Amino acid sequence: MAKEVIAIVGGTGALGTGLARRWSAAGYEVIIGSRTLEKAQDAVKDLEAVLAERGQSDLKVQAMENLAAASAADIVAITVPFAHHSSTLEAIKSGLEGKILIDVTVPLMPPKVGTVQLPPEGSAGAAAQQLLGEGVKVVSAFQNVAAHHLQEGHGLDCDVLVSGNSKEAREKVVELVEAVGMRGFHAGPIANAAAAEALTSVIININRAHKCHAGIRITGLQDDQG
């Protein structure tokens, strides 16, 4: 069975191209989307150059404008700054009906990115679900993963909290988390996305104090016990 086509809307930054590299290496066809086709094409060229250096030049990554990318994909991820979250969702809404939207957005509000500042809806994920309606299965994930690690070739010592109202949609996103080399955990309905989003500001403070790229790990599982 052929794997799904994944579009990464607003995917030209370090987080978007990091996910693109990981998913394409796992055998998925990936579309990098941007507000302009030229910017998406530049991101794909840069990514292809990196992949070629690592002997992965046969991977399938292409560029499209955001709406075209969302429309062409089976699953869509959005990796835009919070300031562009709602406007980007409005722009691609017609291409999302009946699909899973992986919302990676964190409501960081510069300059105080180390302070938790959740939106009135409770989280960016909840805001997306409210804006898009029940015809789109919004799943929140990847907020606590450093783009730095996604860009590197090594394994990822980080877990991912996966929140969404549809258990089936969460299952699919857990599968995509595992495809990029991490463990995904069902974290409940989209309202619970607030926890992972808020944790990002906490992790920013840890990173500043320890000069690192920290993530989270779930402990106490049976598999962890000797």
C-alpha atoms as a PDB file:
ATOM      1  CA  MET A   1       0.000   0.000   0.000  1.00  0.00           C
ATOM      2  CA  ALA A   2       1.365   3.396  -1.016  1.00  0.00           C
ATOM      3  CA  LYS A   3       2.228   5.801   1.764  1.00  0.00           C
ATOM      4  CA  GLU A   4       0.385   9.074   2.156  1.00  0.00           C
ATOM      5  CA  VAL A   5       1.503  12.315   0.541  1.00  0.00           C
ATOM      6  CA  ILE A   6       2.304  14.854   3.265  1.00  0.00           C
ATOM      7  CA  ALA A   7       2.211  18.618   2.725  1.00  0.00           C
ATOM      8  CA  ILE A   8       4.069  20.878   5.134  1.00  0.00           C
ATOM      9  CA  VAL A   9       2.416  24.284   4.925  1.00  0.00           C
ATOM     10  CA  GLY A  10       4.742  27.104   5.873  1.00  0.00           C
ATOM     11  CA  GLY A  11       7.411  24.443   5.586  1.00  0.00           C
ATOM     12  CA  THR A  12      10.401  26.534   4.520  1.00  0.00           C
ATOM     13  CA  GLY A  13      11.871  27.024   7.992  1.00  0.00           C
ATOM     14  CA  ALA A  14      14.105  24.743  10.032  1.00  0.00           C
ATOM     15  CA  LEU A  15      11.199  22.840  11.612  1.00  0.00           C
ATOM     16  CA  GLY A  16       9.331  22.304   8.341  1.00  0.00           C
ATOM     17  CA  THR A  17      12.362  21.219   6.345  1.00  0.00           C
ATOM     18  CA  GLY A  18      13.480  19.019   9.244  1.00  0.00           C
ATOM     19  CA  LEU A  19      10.176  17.154   9.171  1.00  0.00           C
ATOM     20  CA  ALA A  20      10.370  17.000   5.377  1.00  0.00           C
ATOM     21  CA  ARG A  21      13.808  15.396   5.545  1.00  0.00           C
ATOM     22  CA  ARG A  22      12.696  12.827   8.111  1.00  0.00           C
ATOM     23  CA  TRP A  23       9.405  11.891   6.439  1.00  0.00           C
ATOM     24  CA  SER A  24      10.905  11.686   2.965  1.00  0.00           C
ATOM     25  CA  ALA A  25      13.674   9.458   4.313  1.00  0.00           C
ATOM     26  CA  ALA A  26      10.934   7.208   5.718  1.00  0.00           C
ATOM     27  CA  GLY A  27       9.448   6.789   2.250  1.00  0.00           C
ATOM     28  CA  TYR A  28       6.741   9.448   2.208  1.00  0.00           C
ATOM     29  CA  GLU A  29       6.278  11.859  -0.671  1.00  0.00           C
ATOM     30  CA  VAL A  30       6.527  15.352   0.798  1.00  0.00           C
ATOM     31  CA  ILE A  31       5.361  18.737  -0.476  1.00  0.00           C
ATOM     32  CA  ILE A  32       6.897  21.865   1.018  1.00  0.00           C
ATOM     33  CA  GLY A  33       4.397  24.726   0.875  1.00  0.00           C
ATOM     34  CA  SER A  34       4.883  28.455   1.191  1.00  0.00           C
ATOM     35  CA  ARG A  35       2.940  31.643   0.503  1.00  0.00           C
ATOM     36  CA  THR A  36       5.002  31.988  -2.669  1.00  0.00           C
ATOM     37  CA  LEU A  37       6.079  29.186  -4.977  1.00  0.00           C
ATOM     38  CA  GLU A  38       9.557  30.699  -5.324  1.00  0.00           C
ATOM     39  CA  LYS A  39      10.223  30.512  -1.589  1.00  0.00           C
ATOM     40  CA  ALA A  40       9.068  26.885  -1.504  1.00  0.00           C
ATOM     41  CA  GLN A  41      11.301  26.062  -4.479  1.00  0.00           C
ATOM     42  CA  ASP A  42      14.307  27.649  -2.774  1.00  0.00           C
ATOM     43  CA  ALA A  43      13.664  25.575   0.351  1.00  0.00           C
ATOM     44  CA  VAL A  44      13.444  22.378  -1.695  1.00  0.00           C
ATOM     45  CA  LYS A  45      16.717  23.186  -3.491  1.00  0.00           C
ATOM     46  CA  ASP A  46      18.475  23.775  -0.185  1.00  0.00           C
ATOM     47  CA  LEU A  47      17.054  20.555   1.251  1.00  0.00           C
ATOM     48  CA  GLU A  48      18.004  18.536  -1.833  1.00  0.00           C
ATOM     49  CA  ALA A  49      21.576  19.792  -1.521  1.00  0.00           C
ATOM     50  CA  VAL A  50      21.747  18.620   2.091  1.00  0.00           C
ATOM     51  CA  LEU A  51      20.170  15.273   1.235  1.00  0.00           C
ATOM     52  CA  ALA A  52      22.585  14.742  -1.654  1.00  0.00           C
ATOM     53  CA  GLU A  53      25.530  15.266   0.705  1.00  0.00           C
ATOM     54  CA  ARG A  54      24.086  12.489   2.889  1.00  0.00           C
ATOM     55  CA  GLY A  55      23.501  10.121  -0.011  1.00  0.00           C
ATOM     56  CA  GLN A  56      19.726  10.585  -0.038  1.00  0.00           C
ATOM     57  CA  SER A  57      19.267  12.259  -3.412  1.00  0.00           C
ATOM     58  CA  ASP A  58      16.469   9.902  -4.494  1.00  0.00           C
ATOM     59  CA  LEU A  59      13.920  11.228  -1.966  1.00  0.00           C
ATOM     60  CA  LYS A  60      10.651  12.748  -3.176  1.00  0.00           C
ATOM     61  CA  VAL A  61      10.254  16.378  -2.118  1.00  0.00           C
ATOM     62  CA  GLN A  62       8.505  19.013  -4.217  1.00  0.00           C
ATOM     63  CA  ALA A  63       7.458  22.654  -3.873  1.00  0.00           C
ATOM     64  CA  MET A  64       4.020  24.260  -4.143  1.00  0.00           C
ATOM     65  CA  GLU A  65       2.147  27.324  -2.960  1.00  0.00           C
ATOM     66  CA  ASN A  66       0.378  26.632   0.346  1.00  0.00           C
ATOM     67  CA  LEU A  67      -3.171  26.038  -0.904  1.00  0.00           C
ATOM     68  CA  ALA A  68      -2.008  23.872  -3.797  1.00  0.00           C
ATOM     69  CA  ALA A  69       0.140  21.850  -1.382  1.00  0.00           C
ATOM     70  CA  ALA A  70      -2.756  21.309   1.045  1.00  0.00           C
ATOM     71  CA  SER A  71      -5.094  20.328  -1.779  1.00  0.00           C
ATOM     72  CA  ALA A  72      -2.625  17.836  -3.283  1.00  0.00           C
ATOM     73  CA  ALA A  73      -1.774  16.067  -0.020  1.00  0.00           C
ATOM     74  CA  ASP A  74      -3.451  13.309   1.966  1.00  0.00           C
ATOM     75  CA  ILE A  75      -2.186  14.713   5.292  1.00  0.00           C
ATOM     76  CA  VAL A  76      -1.221  18.324   5.986  1.00  0.00           C
ATOM     77  CA  ALA A  77       1.121  19.733   8.637  1.00  0.00           C
ATOM     78  CA  ILE A  78       1.280  23.435   9.483  1.00  0.00           C
ATOM     79  CA  THR A  79       4.570  24.851  10.791  1.00  0.00           C
ATOM     80  CA  VAL A  80       4.060  28.618  10.786  1.00  0.00           C
ATOM     81  CA  PRO A  81       4.708  31.196  13.524  1.00  0.00           C
ATOM     82  CA  PHE A  82       1.646  31.810  15.678  1.00  0.00           C
ATOM     83  CA  ALA A  83       1.274  35.316  14.243  1.00  0.00           C
ATOM     84  CA  HIS A  84       0.450  33.736  10.849  1.00  0.00           C
ATOM     85  CA  HIS A  85      -1.521  30.764  12.174  1.00  0.00           C
ATOM     86  CA  SER A  86      -5.122  31.857  11.611  1.00  0.00           C
ATOM     87  CA  SER A  87      -4.465  33.662   8.311  1.00  0.00           C
ATOM     88  CA  THR A  88      -2.662  30.615   6.896  1.00  0.00           C
ATOM     89  CA  LEU A  89      -5.477  28.291   7.986  1.00  0.00           C
ATOM     90  CA  GLU A  90      -8.035  30.575   6.324  1.00  0.00           C
ATOM     91  CA  ALA A  91      -5.973  30.536   3.125  1.00  0.00           C
ATOM     92  CA  ILE A  92      -5.772  26.713   2.936  1.00  0.00           C
ATOM     93  CA  LYS A  93      -9.149  25.831   4.482  1.00  0.00           C
ATOM     94  CA  SER A  94     -10.691  24.709   1.193  1.00  0.00           C
ATOM     95  CA  GLY A  95      -7.900  22.151   0.717  1.00  0.00           C
ATOM     96  CA  LEU A  96      -8.270  20.558   4.148  1.00  0.00           C
ATOM     97  CA  GLU A  97     -11.779  19.132   4.195  1.00  0.00           C
ATOM     98  CA  GLY A  98     -11.828  15.467   5.217  1.00  0.00           C
ATOM     99  CA  LYS A  99      -8.102  15.423   6.000  1.00  0.00           C
ATOM    100  CA  ILE A 100      -5.859  15.268   9.043  1.00  0.00           C
ATOM    101  CA  LEU A 101      -4.145  18.547   9.908  1.00  0.00           C
ATOM    102  CA  ILE A 102      -1.058  18.158  12.100  1.00  0.00           C
ATOM    103  CA  ASP A 103      -0.756  21.457  13.951  1.00  0.00           C
ATOM    104  CA  VAL A 104       2.794  22.041  15.139  1.00  0.00           C
ATOM    105  CA  THR A 105       2.152  25.675  16.086  1.00  0.00           C
ATOM    106  CA  VAL A 106       3.117  27.066  19.483  1.00  0.00           C
ATOM    107  CA  PRO A 107       1.538  30.371  20.617  1.00  0.00           C
ATOM    108  CA  LEU A 108       4.843  32.096  21.323  1.00  0.00           C
ATOM    109  CA  MET A 109       4.482  35.858  21.563  1.00  0.00           C
ATOM    110  CA  PRO A 110       7.814  37.675  21.175  1.00  0.00           C
ATOM    111  CA  PRO A 111       9.666  39.058  22.950  1.00  0.00           C
ATOM    112  CA  LYS A 112       8.475  36.980  25.938  1.00  0.00           C
ATOM    113  CA  VAL A 113       8.771  33.552  24.326  1.00  0.00           C
ATOM    114  CA  GLY A 114       9.896  32.057  27.633  1.00  0.00           C
ATOM    115  CA  THR A 115       6.550  32.939  29.231  1.00  0.00           C
ATOM    116  CA  VAL A 116       3.460  30.790  28.653  1.00  0.00           C
ATOM    117  CA  GLN A 117       0.856  32.845  26.769  1.00  0.00           C
ATOM    118  CA  LEU A 118      -1.992  30.647  25.534  1.00  0.00           C
ATOM    119  CA  PRO A 119      -4.697  32.129  23.274  1.00  0.00           C
ATOM    120  CA  PRO A 120      -8.354  32.628  24.338  1.00  0.00           C
ATOM    121  CA  GLU A 121      -9.331  29.308  22.721  1.00  0.00           C
ATOM    122  CA  GLY A 122      -6.978  27.515  25.128  1.00  0.00           C
ATOM    123  CA  SER A 123      -4.347  26.460  22.589  1.00  0.00           C
ATOM    124  CA  ALA A 124      -3.328  26.931  18.977  1.00  0.00           C
ATOM    125  CA  GLY A 125      -4.582  23.414  18.248  1.00  0.00           C
ATOM    126  CA  ALA A 126      -8.007  24.143  19.734  1.00  0.00           C
ATOM    127  CA  ALA A 127      -8.151  27.408  17.808  1.00  0.00           C
ATOM    128  CA  ALA A 128      -7.424  25.545  14.575  1.00  0.00           C
ATOM    129  CA  GLN A 129     -10.150  22.972  15.258  1.00  0.00           C
ATOM    130  CA  GLN A 130     -12.639  25.747  16.035  1.00  0.00           C
ATOM    131  CA  LEU A 131     -11.755  27.658  12.868  1.00  0.00           C
ATOM    132  CA  LEU A 132     -11.788  24.655  10.536  1.00  0.00           C
ATOM    133  CA  GLY A 133     -14.793  22.772  11.922  1.00  0.00           C
ATOM    134  CA  GLU A 134     -15.351  19.072  12.435  1.00  0.00           C
ATOM    135  CA  GLY A 135     -14.741  18.238   8.776  1.00  0.00           C
ATOM    136  CA  VAL A 136     -11.004  18.525   9.483  1.00  0.00           C
ATOM    137  CA  LYS A 137      -9.319  16.290  12.065  1.00  0.00           C
ATOM    138  CA  VAL A 138      -6.846  18.554  13.835  1.00  0.00           C
ATOM    139  CA  VAL A 139      -4.061  16.750  15.685  1.00  0.00           C
ATOM    140  CA  SER A 140      -1.515  18.674  17.736  1.00  0.00           C
ATOM    141  CA  ALA A 141       2.045  17.289  17.822  1.00  0.00           C
ATOM    142  CA  PHE A 142       5.806  18.014  17.667  1.00  0.00           C
ATOM    143  CA  GLN A 143       5.705  21.206  19.790  1.00  0.00           C
ATOM    144  CA  ASN A 144       8.498  20.022  22.094  1.00  0.00           C
ATOM    145  CA  VAL A 145      10.941  18.806  19.429  1.00  0.00           C
ATOM    146  CA  ALA A 146      13.911  21.014  18.582  1.00  0.00           C
ATOM    147  CA  ALA A 147      14.210  21.792  14.874  1.00  0.00           C
ATOM    148  CA  HIS A 148      17.974  21.450  15.382  1.00  0.00           C
ATOM    149  CA  HIS A 149      17.589  17.729  16.077  1.00  0.00           C
ATOM    150  CA  LEU A 150      15.250  17.141  13.119  1.00  0.00           C
ATOM    151  CA  GLN A 151      17.866  18.652  10.822  1.00  0.00           C
ATOM    152  CA  GLU A 152      20.625  16.358  12.078  1.00  0.00           C
ATOM    153  CA  GLY A 153      21.247  12.831  10.829  1.00  0.00           C
ATOM    154  CA  HIS A 154      21.316  11.201  14.261  1.00  0.00           C
ATOM    155  CA  GLY A 155      18.521   9.537  16.217  1.00  0.00           C
ATOM    156  CA  LEU A 156      16.063  11.539  18.278  1.00  0.00           C
ATOM    157  CA  ASP A 157      15.974  11.071  22.051  1.00  0.00           C
ATOM    158  CA  CYS A 158      12.628  12.811  22.446  1.00  0.00           C
ATOM    159  CA  ASP A 159       8.962  11.882  22.897  1.00  0.00           C
ATOM    160  CA  VAL A 160       5.958  13.565  21.302  1.00  0.00           C
ATOM    161  CA  LEU A 161       2.558  14.286  22.867  1.00  0.00           C
ATOM    162  CA  VAL A 162      -0.253  13.786  20.332  1.00  0.00           C
ATOM    163  CA  SER A 163      -3.615  15.444  21.020  1.00  0.00           C
ATOM    164  CA  GLY A 164      -6.778  15.367  18.915  1.00  0.00           C
ATOM    165  CA  ASN A 165     -10.475  14.597  19.133  1.00  0.00           C
ATOM    166  CA  SER A 166     -10.254  11.639  16.728  1.00  0.00           C
ATOM    167  CA  LYS A 167      -8.494   8.537  18.065  1.00  0.00           C
ATOM    168  CA  GLU A 168      -7.981   7.254  14.504  1.00  0.00           C
ATOM    169  CA  ALA A 169      -6.337  10.525  13.477  1.00  0.00           C
ATOM    170  CA  ARG A 170      -4.102  10.419  16.549  1.00  0.00           C
ATOM    171  CA  GLU A 171      -3.099   6.849  15.624  1.00  0.00           C
ATOM    172  CA  LYS A 172      -2.004   8.025  12.185  1.00  0.00           C
ATOM    173  CA  VAL A 173       0.041  10.876  13.641  1.00  0.00           C
ATOM    174  CA  VAL A 174       1.669   8.544  16.183  1.00  0.00           C
ATOM    175  CA  GLU A 175       2.679   6.437  13.174  1.00  0.00           C
ATOM    176  CA  LEU A 176       4.218   9.529  11.547  1.00  0.00           C
ATOM    177  CA  VAL A 177       6.025  10.402  14.777  1.00  0.00           C
ATOM    178  CA  GLU A 178       7.552   6.923  14.814  1.00  0.00           C
ATOM    179  CA  ALA A 179       8.513   7.329  11.149  1.00  0.00           C
ATOM    180  CA  VAL A 180      10.794  10.233  12.049  1.00  0.00           C
ATOM    181  CA  GLY A 181      12.438   8.215  14.825  1.00  0.00           C
ATOM    182  CA  MET A 182      10.590   9.193  18.005  1.00  0.00           C
ATOM    183  CA  ARG A 183       7.921   7.789  20.300  1.00  0.00           C
ATOM    184  CA  GLY A 184       4.435   9.270  20.087  1.00  0.00           C
ATOM    185  CA  PHE A 185       1.923   9.169  22.940  1.00  0.00           C
ATOM    186  CA  HIS A 186      -1.838   9.674  22.867  1.00  0.00           C
ATOM    187  CA  ALA A 187      -2.409  12.747  25.036  1.00  0.00           C
ATOM    188  CA  GLY A 188      -6.180  12.992  24.734  1.00  0.00           C
ATOM    189  CA  PRO A 189      -8.495  15.499  23.010  1.00  0.00           C
ATOM    190  CA  ILE A 190      -7.397  18.673  21.265  1.00  0.00           C
ATOM    191  CA  ALA A 191      -8.074  20.673  24.448  1.00  0.00           C
ATOM    192  CA  ASN A 192      -5.033  18.946  25.945  1.00  0.00           C
ATOM    193  CA  ALA A 193      -2.776  20.502  23.299  1.00  0.00           C
ATOM    194  CA  ALA A 194      -2.464  23.359  25.787  1.00  0.00           C
ATOM    195  CA  ALA A 195      -0.108  21.238  27.894  1.00  0.00           C
ATOM    196  CA  ALA A 196       2.423  20.552  25.102  1.00  0.00           C
ATOM    197  CA  GLU A 197       2.201  24.109  23.780  1.00  0.00           C
ATOM    198  CA  ALA A 198       2.820  25.579  27.233  1.00  0.00           C
ATOM    199  CA  LEU A 199       5.753  23.218  27.802  1.00  0.00           C
ATOM    200  CA  THR A 200       7.590  24.822  24.889  1.00  0.00           C
ATOM    201  CA  SER A 201       8.118  28.056  26.831  1.00  0.00           C
ATOM    202  CA  VAL A 202       9.374  26.004  29.779  1.00  0.00           C
ATOM    203  CA  ILE A 203      11.825  24.183  27.498  1.00  0.00           C
ATOM    204  CA  ILE A 204      13.028  27.504  26.065  1.00  0.00           C
ATOM    205  CA  ASN A 205      14.053  28.535  29.572  1.00  0.00           C
ATOM    206  CA  ILE A 206      15.829  25.199  30.109  1.00  0.00           C
ATOM    207  CA  ASN A 207      17.654  25.615  26.803  1.00  0.00           C
ATOM    208  CA  ARG A 208      18.792  29.109  27.770  1.00  0.00           C
ATOM    209  CA  ALA A 209      20.056  27.984  31.173  1.00  0.00           C
ATOM    210  CA  HIS A 210      21.871  24.867  29.943  1.00  0.00           C
ATOM    211  CA  LYS A 211      22.779  25.947  26.384  1.00  0.00           C
ATOM    212  CA  CYS A 212      21.129  22.855  24.913  1.00  0.00           C
ATOM    213  CA  HIS A 213      18.221  21.671  22.753  1.00  0.00           C
ATOM    214  CA  ALA A 214      16.097  19.871  25.325  1.00  0.00           C
ATOM    215  CA  GLY A 215      13.037  17.710  24.732  1.00  0.00           C
ATOM    216  CA  ILE A 216      10.688  15.605  26.855  1.00  0.00           C
ATOM    217  CA  ARG A 217      10.662  11.916  27.761  1.00  0.00           C
ATOM    218  CA  ILE A 218       7.828   9.828  29.172  1.00  0.00           C
ATOM    219  CA  THR A 219       9.103   7.547  31.939  1.00  0.00           C
ATOM    220  CA  GLY A 220       7.690   4.707  34.015  1.00  0.00           C
ATOM    221  CA  LEU A 221       6.586   2.582  31.068  1.00  0.00           C
ATOM    222  CA  GLN A 222       6.857  -1.211  31.280  1.00  0.00           C
ATOM    223  CA  ASP A 223       9.447  -1.248  28.503  1.00  0.00           C
ATOM    224  CA  ASP A 224      11.645   1.094  30.570  1.00  0.00           C
ATOM    225  CA  GLN A 225      11.817  -1.234  33.517  1.00  0.00           C
ATOM    226  CA  GLY A 226      14.730  -3.629  33.736  1.00  0.00           C
END
